[in-house]
N, C-alpha and C. Protein backbone atom coordinates (compact mmCIF):
# COMPACT_ATOMS: atom_id res chain seq x y z
N MET A 1 -22.95 -25.60 -18.03
CA MET A 1 -22.05 -26.61 -19.11
C MET A 1 -20.74 -27.17 -17.57
N GLU A 2 -20.65 -28.48 -17.46
CA GLU A 2 -19.63 -29.26 -17.19
C GLU A 2 -18.88 -28.83 -17.24
N THR A 3 -18.86 -29.16 -19.53
CA THR A 3 -17.55 -29.70 -20.02
C THR A 3 -17.92 -29.44 -21.61
N VAL A 4 -17.18 -29.65 -22.04
CA VAL A 4 -17.41 -28.95 -23.31
C VAL A 4 -18.14 -30.19 -24.08
N LYS A 5 -18.96 -29.84 -25.73
CA LYS A 5 -19.75 -30.96 -26.17
C LYS A 5 -19.23 -31.80 -27.14
N PHE A 6 -17.37 -31.05 -27.41
CA PHE A 6 -16.72 -31.91 -28.13
C PHE A 6 -15.66 -33.21 -28.06
N THR A 7 -15.56 -33.89 -28.69
CA THR A 7 -14.56 -34.75 -28.58
C THR A 7 -13.48 -34.70 -29.47
N ALA A 8 -13.28 -33.50 -30.51
CA ALA A 8 -12.45 -33.64 -31.50
C ALA A 8 -12.44 -31.64 -31.58
N MET A 9 -10.96 -31.20 -30.82
CA MET A 9 -11.32 -29.45 -31.17
C MET A 9 -11.37 -29.13 -31.98
N LYS A 10 -11.64 -29.45 -33.26
CA LYS A 10 -12.64 -28.90 -34.23
C LYS A 10 -13.77 -28.46 -34.88
N ASP A 11 -14.62 -29.96 -33.81
CA ASP A 11 -16.56 -29.65 -33.26
C ASP A 11 -16.48 -28.47 -32.74
N GLY A 12 -15.60 -28.33 -31.90
CA GLY A 12 -16.25 -27.43 -30.58
C GLY A 12 -16.60 -25.89 -31.43
N ASP A 13 -17.58 -25.61 -30.45
CA ASP A 13 -18.24 -23.76 -30.68
C ASP A 13 -17.77 -23.01 -30.03
N LYS A 14 -18.16 -21.66 -30.33
CA LYS A 14 -17.84 -20.87 -29.58
C LYS A 14 -18.56 -20.84 -27.79
N GLU A 15 -19.16 -21.55 -28.28
CA GLU A 15 -20.22 -21.72 -26.58
C GLU A 15 -19.09 -22.74 -25.64
N ASP A 16 -18.24 -23.60 -26.25
CA ASP A 16 -17.56 -24.37 -25.75
C ASP A 16 -16.09 -23.91 -25.66
N TYR A 17 -15.52 -22.86 -26.44
CA TYR A 17 -14.78 -22.02 -26.12
C TYR A 17 -14.38 -21.05 -25.24
N ASP A 18 -15.46 -20.44 -25.31
CA ASP A 18 -16.07 -19.29 -24.03
C ASP A 18 -15.87 -20.07 -22.54
N PHE A 19 -16.41 -20.89 -22.24
CA PHE A 19 -16.34 -22.08 -21.74
C PHE A 19 -15.07 -22.27 -20.93
N LEU A 20 -14.06 -22.61 -21.73
CA LEU A 20 -13.14 -23.61 -21.75
C LEU A 20 -12.06 -22.16 -21.56
N THR A 21 -12.03 -20.88 -21.90
CA THR A 21 -11.23 -19.56 -21.77
C THR A 21 -11.69 -19.33 -20.17
N HIS A 22 -12.75 -19.35 -20.29
CA HIS A 22 -13.07 -18.92 -18.35
C HIS A 22 -12.56 -19.91 -17.07
N HIS A 23 -12.46 -21.21 -17.75
CA HIS A 23 -12.45 -22.55 -16.79
C HIS A 23 -10.74 -22.40 -16.46
N GLU A 24 -10.31 -21.93 -18.02
CA GLU A 24 -8.18 -21.92 -18.05
C GLU A 24 -8.27 -20.49 -17.10
N ALA A 25 -9.03 -19.62 -17.16
CA ALA A 25 -8.14 -18.17 -17.21
C ALA A 25 -8.89 -18.75 -15.04
N GLU A 26 -9.82 -19.31 -14.90
CA GLU A 26 -9.78 -19.58 -13.54
C GLU A 26 -8.61 -20.60 -12.73
N TYR A 27 -7.98 -21.82 -13.68
CA TYR A 27 -7.78 -22.57 -13.33
C TYR A 27 -6.04 -21.51 -12.88
N THR A 28 -5.43 -20.40 -13.70
CA THR A 28 -4.35 -20.30 -13.60
C THR A 28 -3.68 -19.15 -13.17
N LYS A 29 -5.09 -18.73 -12.10
CA LYS A 29 -4.79 -18.41 -10.61
C LYS A 29 -4.39 -19.05 -9.57
N GLY A 30 -4.32 -20.52 -9.71
CA GLY A 30 -3.49 -21.81 -8.80
C GLY A 30 -2.46 -21.97 -8.98
N THR A 31 -1.74 -21.18 -10.14
CA THR A 31 -0.82 -21.45 -10.42
C THR A 31 1.20 -21.29 -9.60
N ALA A 32 0.90 -20.14 -9.35
CA ALA A 32 1.77 -19.89 -7.94
C ALA A 32 2.18 -21.06 -6.65
N ASP A 33 -0.15 -21.37 -5.82
CA ASP A 33 0.71 -22.43 -5.11
C ASP A 33 0.79 -23.75 -5.50
N ARG A 34 0.66 -24.18 -6.67
CA ARG A 34 1.16 -25.26 -7.19
C ARG A 34 3.00 -25.41 -7.90
N LEU A 35 3.29 -24.04 -7.81
CA LEU A 35 4.64 -24.19 -7.93
C LEU A 35 5.34 -24.17 -6.33
N LEU A 36 4.46 -23.36 -5.18
CA LEU A 36 4.87 -23.39 -4.31
C LEU A 36 4.42 -24.98 -3.14
N THR A 37 3.87 -25.60 -4.04
CA THR A 37 3.74 -26.98 -3.72
C THR A 37 4.88 -28.11 -4.26
N ALA A 38 5.24 -27.61 -5.75
CA ALA A 38 6.21 -28.43 -5.95
C ALA A 38 7.67 -28.18 -5.51
N LEU A 39 7.50 -27.06 -4.89
CA LEU A 39 9.32 -26.52 -4.43
C LEU A 39 9.47 -27.85 -3.27
N VAL A 40 8.31 -27.76 -2.44
CA VAL A 40 8.30 -28.81 -1.27
C VAL A 40 8.77 -30.25 -1.81
N SER A 41 8.19 -30.39 -2.85
CA SER A 41 8.51 -32.07 -3.05
C SER A 41 10.01 -32.43 -3.69
N LEU A 42 10.80 -31.28 -3.90
CA LEU A 42 12.15 -31.03 -4.44
C LEU A 42 12.78 -31.95 -2.83
N ASP A 43 12.02 -31.89 -1.37
CA ASP A 43 12.62 -32.54 -0.19
C ASP A 43 12.86 -33.91 -1.30
N GLU A 44 12.02 -34.56 -2.25
CA GLU A 44 12.20 -35.80 -1.99
C GLU A 44 13.26 -35.78 -3.44
N SER A 45 13.67 -34.90 -4.26
CA SER A 45 14.27 -34.91 -4.93
C SER A 45 15.65 -35.54 -5.06
N LEU A 46 16.54 -35.29 -6.15
CA LEU A 46 18.49 -36.13 -5.99
C LEU A 46 18.31 -35.65 -4.41
N SER A 47 19.05 -36.60 -3.72
CA SER A 47 19.94 -36.12 -2.70
C SER A 47 21.54 -36.76 -2.90
N GLY A 48 22.27 -36.20 -1.95
CA GLY A 48 23.45 -36.58 -1.81
C GLY A 48 24.54 -35.14 -1.17
N TYR A 49 23.44 -34.35 -1.29
CA TYR A 49 24.19 -33.01 -0.85
C TYR A 49 23.76 -32.65 0.74
N GLN A 50 24.47 -31.95 1.35
CA GLN A 50 24.48 -31.30 2.68
C GLN A 50 22.81 -31.26 2.94
N ILE A 51 22.50 -30.68 2.32
CA ILE A 51 21.21 -30.06 2.49
C ILE A 51 20.17 -30.52 1.06
N THR A 52 18.76 -30.46 1.42
CA THR A 52 17.72 -30.57 0.44
C THR A 52 17.97 -30.22 -0.95
N ARG A 53 17.40 -30.35 -1.96
CA ARG A 53 16.98 -29.54 -2.83
C ARG A 53 15.96 -28.10 -2.56
N LEU A 54 15.02 -28.74 -1.81
CA LEU A 54 14.06 -27.04 -1.33
C LEU A 54 15.08 -26.28 -0.39
N GLY A 55 15.68 -26.94 0.22
CA GLY A 55 16.84 -26.13 1.06
C GLY A 55 17.99 -25.36 0.25
N HIS A 56 18.43 -25.62 -0.75
CA HIS A 56 19.10 -24.98 -1.81
C HIS A 56 18.35 -24.06 -2.44
N SER A 57 17.39 -24.34 -2.64
CA SER A 57 16.43 -23.05 -3.50
C SER A 57 16.23 -22.17 -2.18
N LEU A 58 15.55 -22.57 -1.00
CA LEU A 58 14.88 -21.10 0.10
C LEU A 58 16.53 -20.34 0.33
N GLN A 59 17.94 -21.00 0.18
CA GLN A 59 18.77 -20.51 0.66
C GLN A 59 19.31 -19.28 -0.51
N SER A 60 19.79 -20.44 -1.84
CA SER A 60 19.65 -19.45 -2.84
C SER A 60 18.69 -18.25 -2.63
N ALA A 61 17.61 -18.37 -3.12
CA ALA A 61 16.88 -17.15 -2.54
C ALA A 61 17.02 -16.06 -1.73
N THR A 62 17.24 -17.02 -0.18
CA THR A 62 17.42 -15.90 0.62
C THR A 62 19.10 -14.82 0.83
N ARG A 63 19.51 -15.76 -0.09
CA ARG A 63 20.96 -14.77 -0.36
C ARG A 63 20.81 -13.75 -0.71
N ALA A 64 20.30 -14.05 -2.27
CA ALA A 64 19.46 -12.94 -3.00
C ALA A 64 18.19 -11.99 -2.69
N GLU A 65 18.16 -11.75 -1.71
CA GLU A 65 17.43 -11.34 -1.09
C GLU A 65 17.77 -10.01 -0.20
N ARG A 66 18.73 -10.91 0.36
CA ARG A 66 19.89 -10.48 1.31
C ARG A 66 20.97 -9.32 0.43
N ASP A 67 21.57 -9.36 -0.40
CA ASP A 67 22.03 -8.89 -1.52
C ASP A 67 20.86 -7.94 -2.01
N GLY A 68 20.08 -7.36 -1.71
CA GLY A 68 18.82 -6.64 -2.00
C GLY A 68 18.15 -6.84 -3.69
N ALA A 69 18.62 -7.84 -4.12
CA ALA A 69 18.17 -8.42 -5.02
C ALA A 69 16.44 -8.09 -5.15
N ASP A 70 16.38 -8.06 -6.65
CA ASP A 70 14.75 -7.51 -6.55
C ASP A 70 13.73 -8.68 -6.89
N THR A 71 12.23 -9.01 -6.28
CA THR A 71 11.72 -8.93 -6.67
C THR A 71 11.89 -10.39 -7.82
N ASP A 72 12.17 -9.68 -9.18
CA ASP A 72 12.40 -10.83 -10.00
C ASP A 72 13.37 -11.73 -10.01
N TRP A 73 13.72 -11.32 -9.87
CA TRP A 73 15.48 -11.43 -8.70
C TRP A 73 14.93 -12.74 -8.00
N ILE A 74 14.56 -12.58 -6.58
CA ILE A 74 14.29 -13.36 -5.79
C ILE A 74 13.35 -14.73 -6.45
N VAL A 75 12.27 -14.60 -6.96
CA VAL A 75 11.30 -15.34 -7.18
C VAL A 75 12.06 -16.62 -8.54
N SER A 76 12.58 -16.14 -8.99
CA SER A 76 13.31 -16.36 -10.13
C SER A 76 14.92 -17.64 -9.52
N THR A 77 15.24 -17.15 -8.32
CA THR A 77 16.28 -18.15 -8.05
C THR A 77 15.70 -19.09 -7.09
N LEU A 78 14.45 -18.12 -6.57
CA LEU A 78 13.70 -19.68 -5.71
C LEU A 78 13.57 -20.57 -6.55
N LEU A 79 13.04 -20.24 -7.74
CA LEU A 79 12.63 -21.13 -8.81
C LEU A 79 13.52 -22.02 -10.07
N HIS A 80 14.65 -21.48 -9.24
CA HIS A 80 15.86 -22.21 -10.53
C HIS A 80 15.93 -23.37 -10.98
N ASP A 81 15.56 -23.90 -10.09
CA ASP A 81 15.85 -25.46 -10.20
C ASP A 81 14.78 -26.70 -9.66
N ILE A 82 13.30 -25.74 -10.05
CA ILE A 82 12.50 -26.32 -9.95
C ILE A 82 12.01 -27.43 -11.12
N GLY A 83 12.80 -27.51 -12.10
CA GLY A 83 12.60 -28.54 -12.97
C GLY A 83 13.40 -29.68 -12.74
N ASP A 84 14.28 -29.93 -11.47
CA ASP A 84 15.23 -31.42 -11.23
C ASP A 84 13.93 -32.13 -10.82
N ILE A 85 13.05 -31.79 -10.27
CA ILE A 85 11.91 -32.89 -10.05
C ILE A 85 11.64 -33.70 -11.30
N PHE A 86 11.04 -32.83 -12.73
CA PHE A 86 10.55 -33.12 -13.80
C PHE A 86 11.27 -33.83 -15.46
N ALA A 87 12.48 -33.02 -15.31
CA ALA A 87 13.34 -32.86 -16.20
C ALA A 87 14.70 -32.35 -15.60
N PRO A 88 15.49 -33.63 -15.31
CA PRO A 88 16.73 -33.63 -14.67
C PRO A 88 17.58 -33.07 -15.77
N TYR A 89 17.68 -33.77 -17.19
CA TYR A 89 18.12 -33.09 -18.23
C TYR A 89 18.22 -31.63 -18.33
N ASN A 90 17.31 -31.17 -18.28
CA ASN A 90 17.33 -29.94 -18.63
C ASN A 90 16.38 -29.07 -17.83
N HIS A 91 16.98 -28.93 -16.61
CA HIS A 91 16.14 -28.58 -15.55
C HIS A 91 16.39 -27.27 -15.50
N ASP A 92 16.91 -26.52 -16.20
CA ASP A 92 17.27 -25.36 -16.24
C ASP A 92 16.27 -24.72 -17.20
N GLU A 93 16.31 -25.15 -18.34
CA GLU A 93 15.20 -24.44 -19.51
C GLU A 93 14.02 -24.78 -18.68
N TYR A 94 13.64 -25.69 -18.48
CA TYR A 94 12.08 -26.13 -17.72
C TYR A 94 11.62 -24.96 -16.93
N ALA A 95 12.48 -24.29 -15.41
CA ALA A 95 12.42 -23.16 -14.72
C ALA A 95 12.38 -21.97 -15.67
N ALA A 96 13.02 -22.13 -16.94
CA ALA A 96 13.04 -20.61 -17.52
C ALA A 96 11.23 -20.44 -17.88
N THR A 97 11.11 -21.88 -18.73
CA THR A 97 9.85 -21.44 -19.43
C THR A 97 8.80 -21.53 -18.27
N ILE A 98 8.73 -21.54 -17.24
CA ILE A 98 7.95 -21.79 -16.35
C ILE A 98 7.88 -19.99 -16.07
N LEU A 99 9.01 -19.22 -16.10
CA LEU A 99 9.03 -18.20 -15.44
C LEU A 99 8.38 -16.97 -16.59
N LYS A 100 8.59 -17.83 -17.81
CA LYS A 100 9.39 -16.59 -18.89
C LYS A 100 8.02 -15.33 -18.84
N PRO A 101 7.11 -16.39 -18.74
CA PRO A 101 5.64 -15.13 -19.24
C PRO A 101 5.80 -13.75 -17.98
N PHE A 102 6.29 -14.68 -17.00
CA PHE A 102 5.83 -13.68 -15.50
C PHE A 102 7.47 -12.18 -15.26
N VAL A 103 8.28 -12.39 -15.38
CA VAL A 103 9.34 -12.46 -15.24
C VAL A 103 10.25 -11.72 -16.06
N ARG A 104 11.50 -10.69 -15.90
CA ARG A 104 12.43 -10.01 -16.64
C ARG A 104 13.16 -10.97 -17.47
N GLU A 105 13.14 -10.72 -19.25
CA GLU A 105 13.98 -11.22 -19.52
C GLU A 105 15.10 -11.73 -19.37
N GLN A 106 15.82 -10.91 -18.88
CA GLN A 106 17.28 -10.99 -18.01
C GLN A 106 17.27 -12.28 -17.03
N CYS A 107 16.55 -12.13 -16.44
CA CYS A 107 16.29 -13.06 -15.33
C CYS A 107 15.97 -14.73 -16.05
N VAL A 108 15.26 -15.14 -16.69
CA VAL A 108 14.74 -16.09 -17.56
C VAL A 108 16.00 -16.25 -18.16
N TRP A 109 16.84 -15.44 -18.97
CA TRP A 109 17.91 -16.44 -19.97
C TRP A 109 19.15 -17.04 -18.45
N VAL A 110 18.90 -15.41 -17.36
CA VAL A 110 20.01 -16.25 -16.33
C VAL A 110 19.66 -17.97 -16.12
N VAL A 111 18.18 -18.26 -15.71
CA VAL A 111 17.89 -18.79 -15.08
C VAL A 111 18.14 -20.56 -16.28
N GLU A 112 17.52 -19.84 -17.23
CA GLU A 112 17.70 -21.06 -18.66
C GLU A 112 19.02 -21.08 -18.84
N LYS A 113 20.17 -20.69 -19.07
CA LYS A 113 21.48 -20.84 -18.75
C LYS A 113 22.07 -21.29 -18.05
N HIS A 114 22.13 -21.10 -16.39
CA HIS A 114 22.50 -21.32 -15.57
C HIS A 114 23.45 -22.61 -15.42
N GLY A 115 22.93 -23.92 -16.01
CA GLY A 115 23.13 -24.94 -16.06
C GLY A 115 24.37 -25.04 -16.66
N ASP A 116 24.45 -24.49 -17.81
CA ASP A 116 25.66 -24.46 -18.37
C ASP A 116 27.25 -23.56 -17.98
N PHE A 117 26.47 -22.27 -16.75
CA PHE A 117 27.17 -21.72 -16.34
C PHE A 117 28.12 -22.31 -14.98
N GLN A 118 26.93 -23.26 -14.37
CA GLN A 118 28.11 -24.14 -13.11
C GLN A 118 28.44 -24.92 -13.82
N MET A 119 29.30 -25.18 -14.51
CA MET A 119 30.20 -26.24 -15.65
C MET A 119 31.53 -25.96 -14.58
N ILE A 120 31.95 -24.57 -14.69
CA ILE A 120 32.82 -23.86 -14.39
C ILE A 120 33.54 -24.74 -12.83
N TYR A 121 32.38 -25.43 -12.34
CA TYR A 121 32.65 -25.12 -10.38
C TYR A 121 33.17 -27.02 -10.80
N PHE A 122 32.36 -27.52 -12.00
CA PHE A 122 32.33 -29.09 -11.52
C PHE A 122 32.79 -29.88 -12.60
N GLY A 123 32.69 -29.47 -13.79
CA GLY A 123 32.43 -30.28 -14.84
C GLY A 123 34.18 -30.83 -15.08
N GLU A 124 35.10 -30.23 -14.62
CA GLU A 124 36.24 -31.03 -14.98
C GLU A 124 36.19 -32.72 -14.65
N HIS A 125 35.29 -32.59 -13.35
CA HIS A 125 35.60 -33.51 -12.06
C HIS A 125 33.93 -34.95 -12.73
N VAL A 126 33.32 -33.99 -14.05
CA VAL A 126 32.58 -35.61 -14.41
C VAL A 126 33.17 -35.71 -15.99
N GLY A 127 33.59 -34.71 -16.57
CA GLY A 127 33.58 -35.22 -17.83
C GLY A 127 33.83 -33.92 -18.75
N ALA A 128 32.81 -33.22 -18.38
CA ALA A 128 32.26 -32.34 -19.41
C ALA A 128 32.87 -31.08 -19.39
N ASP A 129 32.86 -29.99 -20.27
CA ASP A 129 33.41 -28.74 -20.77
C ASP A 129 33.19 -28.13 -19.21
N PRO A 130 34.21 -27.32 -18.09
CA PRO A 130 34.08 -26.46 -17.23
C PRO A 130 34.24 -25.54 -17.84
N HIS A 131 34.60 -24.82 -19.37
CA HIS A 131 34.51 -23.48 -19.88
C HIS A 131 33.36 -23.68 -21.29
N LYS A 132 31.92 -24.16 -20.52
CA LYS A 132 30.86 -24.20 -21.11
C LYS A 132 30.68 -22.58 -21.51
N ARG A 133 30.25 -22.21 -20.35
CA ARG A 133 29.32 -20.99 -20.35
C ARG A 133 30.21 -19.74 -21.34
N ASP A 134 31.52 -19.92 -22.02
CA ASP A 134 31.85 -19.17 -22.81
C ASP A 134 31.62 -19.09 -24.50
N ALA A 135 30.73 -20.45 -24.34
CA ALA A 135 30.15 -20.00 -25.39
C ALA A 135 28.78 -18.68 -25.52
N TYR A 136 28.72 -18.12 -24.63
CA TYR A 136 27.79 -17.19 -24.47
C TYR A 136 28.46 -15.54 -24.21
N LYS A 137 29.90 -15.73 -24.63
CA LYS A 137 30.97 -14.60 -23.87
C LYS A 137 29.77 -13.42 -24.97
N GLY A 138 30.42 -12.11 -24.64
CA GLY A 138 29.55 -11.06 -25.35
C GLY A 138 27.94 -10.78 -25.41
N HIS A 139 27.17 -11.77 -24.49
CA HIS A 139 25.58 -11.45 -24.50
C HIS A 139 25.78 -10.45 -23.23
N PRO A 140 24.91 -9.59 -23.63
CA PRO A 140 24.19 -8.79 -22.51
C PRO A 140 24.29 -9.54 -21.06
N TYR A 141 23.70 -10.38 -21.04
CA TYR A 141 23.80 -10.84 -19.14
C TYR A 141 24.03 -11.80 -18.97
N PHE A 142 25.27 -12.30 -19.85
CA PHE A 142 26.89 -13.29 -19.58
C PHE A 142 27.38 -12.66 -17.76
N ASP A 143 27.66 -11.55 -17.72
CA ASP A 143 28.28 -11.19 -16.17
C ASP A 143 27.27 -11.52 -15.21
N ASP A 144 25.38 -11.20 -16.02
CA ASP A 144 24.71 -11.50 -14.14
C ASP A 144 24.42 -12.61 -13.88
N CYS A 145 24.84 -14.24 -14.94
CA CYS A 145 24.44 -15.31 -15.17
C CYS A 145 25.99 -15.37 -13.80
N ALA A 146 26.79 -14.88 -14.62
CA ALA A 146 28.21 -15.59 -13.82
C ALA A 146 27.86 -15.08 -12.59
N THR A 147 27.71 -14.45 -12.37
CA THR A 147 27.54 -13.30 -10.94
C THR A 147 26.32 -13.99 -9.81
N PHE A 148 25.52 -14.94 -10.70
CA PHE A 148 23.86 -15.43 -10.08
C PHE A 148 24.82 -17.12 -9.92
N CYS A 149 25.31 -17.23 -10.57
CA CYS A 149 25.90 -18.91 -9.91
C CYS A 149 26.75 -18.59 -9.00
N GLU A 150 27.80 -17.42 -9.02
CA GLU A 150 28.98 -17.35 -7.83
C GLU A 150 28.60 -16.72 -6.56
N ARG A 151 27.23 -15.79 -6.63
CA ARG A 151 27.28 -15.53 -5.28
C ARG A 151 25.75 -15.93 -4.29
N TRP A 152 24.84 -17.02 -5.62
CA TRP A 152 23.72 -17.72 -4.80
C TRP A 152 23.24 -19.16 -5.15
N ASP A 153 24.00 -19.20 -6.30
CA ASP A 153 23.60 -20.95 -6.80
C ASP A 153 24.64 -21.98 -6.14
N GLN A 154 25.80 -21.46 -6.49
CA GLN A 154 26.85 -23.16 -6.07
C GLN A 154 26.99 -22.03 -4.76
N ALA A 155 26.86 -21.06 -4.01
CA ALA A 155 26.98 -20.92 -2.53
C ALA A 155 25.86 -21.77 -1.89
N SER A 156 25.26 -22.12 -1.96
CA SER A 156 24.06 -22.34 -1.45
C SER A 156 23.72 -23.70 -1.11
N PHE A 157 24.87 -24.16 -0.36
CA PHE A 157 24.94 -25.49 0.34
C PHE A 157 25.20 -26.27 1.48
N ASP A 158 24.87 -25.30 2.17
CA ASP A 158 25.69 -24.66 3.73
C ASP A 158 24.40 -25.24 4.91
N PRO A 159 24.65 -26.00 5.04
CA PRO A 159 23.64 -26.54 6.08
C PRO A 159 23.87 -25.52 7.53
N ALA A 160 24.78 -24.88 7.37
CA ALA A 160 24.50 -23.81 8.94
C ALA A 160 24.01 -22.74 8.44
N TYR A 161 24.07 -21.94 7.08
CA TYR A 161 23.75 -20.69 7.24
C TYR A 161 22.16 -20.39 7.29
N ASP A 162 22.30 -19.36 7.50
CA ASP A 162 20.90 -19.42 8.62
C ASP A 162 19.40 -19.02 7.36
N THR A 163 19.19 -19.79 6.68
CA THR A 163 18.25 -19.99 5.42
C THR A 163 16.64 -19.62 6.02
N LEU A 164 16.17 -18.44 5.01
CA LEU A 164 14.35 -17.89 5.25
C LEU A 164 13.95 -19.64 5.14
N PRO A 165 12.68 -19.54 5.45
CA PRO A 165 11.55 -20.51 5.29
C PRO A 165 10.67 -20.00 4.02
N LEU A 166 9.88 -21.01 3.88
CA LEU A 166 9.21 -20.95 2.29
C LEU A 166 8.57 -19.95 2.38
N ASP A 167 7.53 -19.94 3.54
CA ASP A 167 6.17 -19.17 3.82
C ASP A 167 7.14 -17.85 3.81
N HIS A 168 7.89 -17.94 4.07
CA HIS A 168 9.16 -15.87 3.75
C HIS A 168 8.49 -15.38 2.30
N PHE A 169 8.74 -16.31 1.45
CA PHE A 169 8.48 -16.41 0.01
C PHE A 169 7.67 -15.95 -0.55
N ARG A 170 6.46 -16.86 -0.14
CA ARG A 170 4.92 -17.02 -0.41
C ARG A 170 4.45 -15.62 -0.77
N ALA A 171 4.51 -14.76 -0.58
CA ALA A 171 3.88 -13.46 -0.96
C ALA A 171 4.32 -12.92 -2.36
N ARG A 172 6.01 -12.95 -2.16
CA ARG A 172 6.12 -12.63 -3.37
C ARG A 172 6.21 -13.94 -4.91
N VAL A 173 6.21 -14.96 -4.58
CA VAL A 173 5.63 -15.52 -6.10
C VAL A 173 4.46 -15.40 -6.05
N HIS A 174 3.36 -15.20 -5.21
CA HIS A 174 1.60 -14.86 -5.87
C HIS A 174 1.97 -13.57 -6.43
N GLU A 175 2.59 -12.47 -6.20
CA GLU A 175 2.66 -11.60 -6.71
C GLU A 175 3.38 -11.42 -8.24
N VAL A 176 4.10 -12.50 -8.26
CA VAL A 176 5.03 -12.81 -9.71
C VAL A 176 3.74 -13.46 -10.41
N PHE A 177 3.15 -14.68 -9.80
CA PHE A 177 1.97 -15.22 -10.96
C PHE A 177 1.19 -14.42 -11.07
N ALA A 178 0.50 -13.69 -10.61
CA ALA A 178 -0.37 -12.72 -10.63
C ALA A 178 -0.57 -11.80 -11.60
N ARG A 179 0.30 -11.63 -11.99
CA ARG A 179 1.08 -10.43 -13.10
C ARG A 179 0.13 -11.25 -14.89
N THR A 180 0.01 -10.18 -15.90
CA THR A 180 -0.73 -10.29 -16.49
C THR A 180 0.91 -10.88 -17.25
N PRO A 181 0.19 -12.62 -17.95
CA PRO A 181 1.24 -12.66 -18.83
C PRO A 181 2.18 -12.46 -19.94
N TYR A 182 3.44 -12.13 -19.44
CA TYR A 182 3.82 -11.46 -21.23
C TYR A 182 4.04 -9.95 -21.36
N ASP A 183 3.15 -8.89 -20.17
CA ASP A 183 3.73 -7.93 -20.40
C ASP A 183 4.77 -7.48 -20.64
N PRO A 184 4.71 -6.41 -21.87
CA PRO A 184 6.17 -5.49 -21.81
C PRO A 184 6.62 -4.93 -21.50
N ALA A 185 5.94 -4.30 -20.52
CA ALA A 185 6.36 -3.49 -19.27
C ALA A 185 7.35 -4.07 -18.13
N VAL A 186 7.05 -5.66 -17.75
CA VAL A 186 7.03 -6.75 -16.48
C VAL A 186 8.77 -7.39 -17.58
N ILE A 187 8.26 -8.08 -18.60
CA ILE A 187 9.48 -8.36 -19.52
C ILE A 187 10.87 -7.70 -19.85
N ARG A 188 10.46 -6.28 -20.16
CA ARG A 188 11.71 -5.31 -20.35
C ARG A 188 12.59 -6.15 -20.79
N ALA A 189 12.68 -6.68 -22.61
CA ALA A 189 13.79 -7.02 -23.33
C ALA A 189 14.46 -6.05 -23.28
N GLY A 190 15.76 -6.88 -23.14
CA GLY A 190 17.42 -5.81 -23.50
C GLY A 190 17.79 -5.07 -22.23
N GLU A 191 16.30 -4.78 -21.20
CA GLU A 191 16.97 -4.38 -20.02
C GLU A 191 17.56 -5.36 -18.81
N ARG A 192 18.55 -4.62 -18.18
CA ARG A 192 19.12 -5.18 -16.92
C ARG A 192 18.75 -4.31 -15.60
N GLU A 193 18.88 -5.25 -14.55
CA GLU A 193 18.36 -4.91 -13.07
C GLU A 193 19.88 -5.12 -12.50
N PRO A 194 20.83 -4.21 -11.86
CA PRO A 194 21.56 -5.09 -10.71
C PRO A 194 21.02 -6.44 -10.43
N LEU A 195 22.20 -7.42 -9.79
CA LEU A 195 21.67 -8.42 -9.16
C LEU A 195 21.37 -8.05 -7.61
N THR A 196 22.38 -7.29 -7.08
CA THR A 196 22.90 -6.67 -5.51
C THR A 196 22.43 -5.47 -5.44
N ALA A 197 22.37 -4.95 -4.10
CA ALA A 197 21.89 -3.46 -4.12
C ALA A 197 23.54 -2.52 -3.86
């Protein structure tokens, strides 16, 4: 069988859906490589900074690694702006959705909210609320997001910084996206890991 028999989903039978399940499972094995390719395309996205968006992503992940962050933090940091390509108005939510099945809940929340937290640095200059993050005060991951933004995100636009190349992070990305999706032992709802060693 090369394709399903149906043209409307309601007309599919077990053979069709067994075929699709196998086909889709095989396709998901390429997720890490597709994300790594998408990261490279960040070089063609938003410009105007002293480094490219890919350079920013790599520099952020490099800082995370050098701070002793674990794999979930490093990969989440590497991918935190991947949404800039397709979802410039909600890039943070886009990236968080990609990460959600594969990394700790803590990291997903931080990636999802980092756009609001970043406003502290530039909101007043663009007519936005620089204190937008205050809406999350009291959240268990509030301080994690503030630290993520301060140490790894807002500081990572430096062309002189000794940034590690994408190939350095390739194995970690493959490791994360080879995990069983939504594994409670990975998601660890409500648990926190320090950002730095």
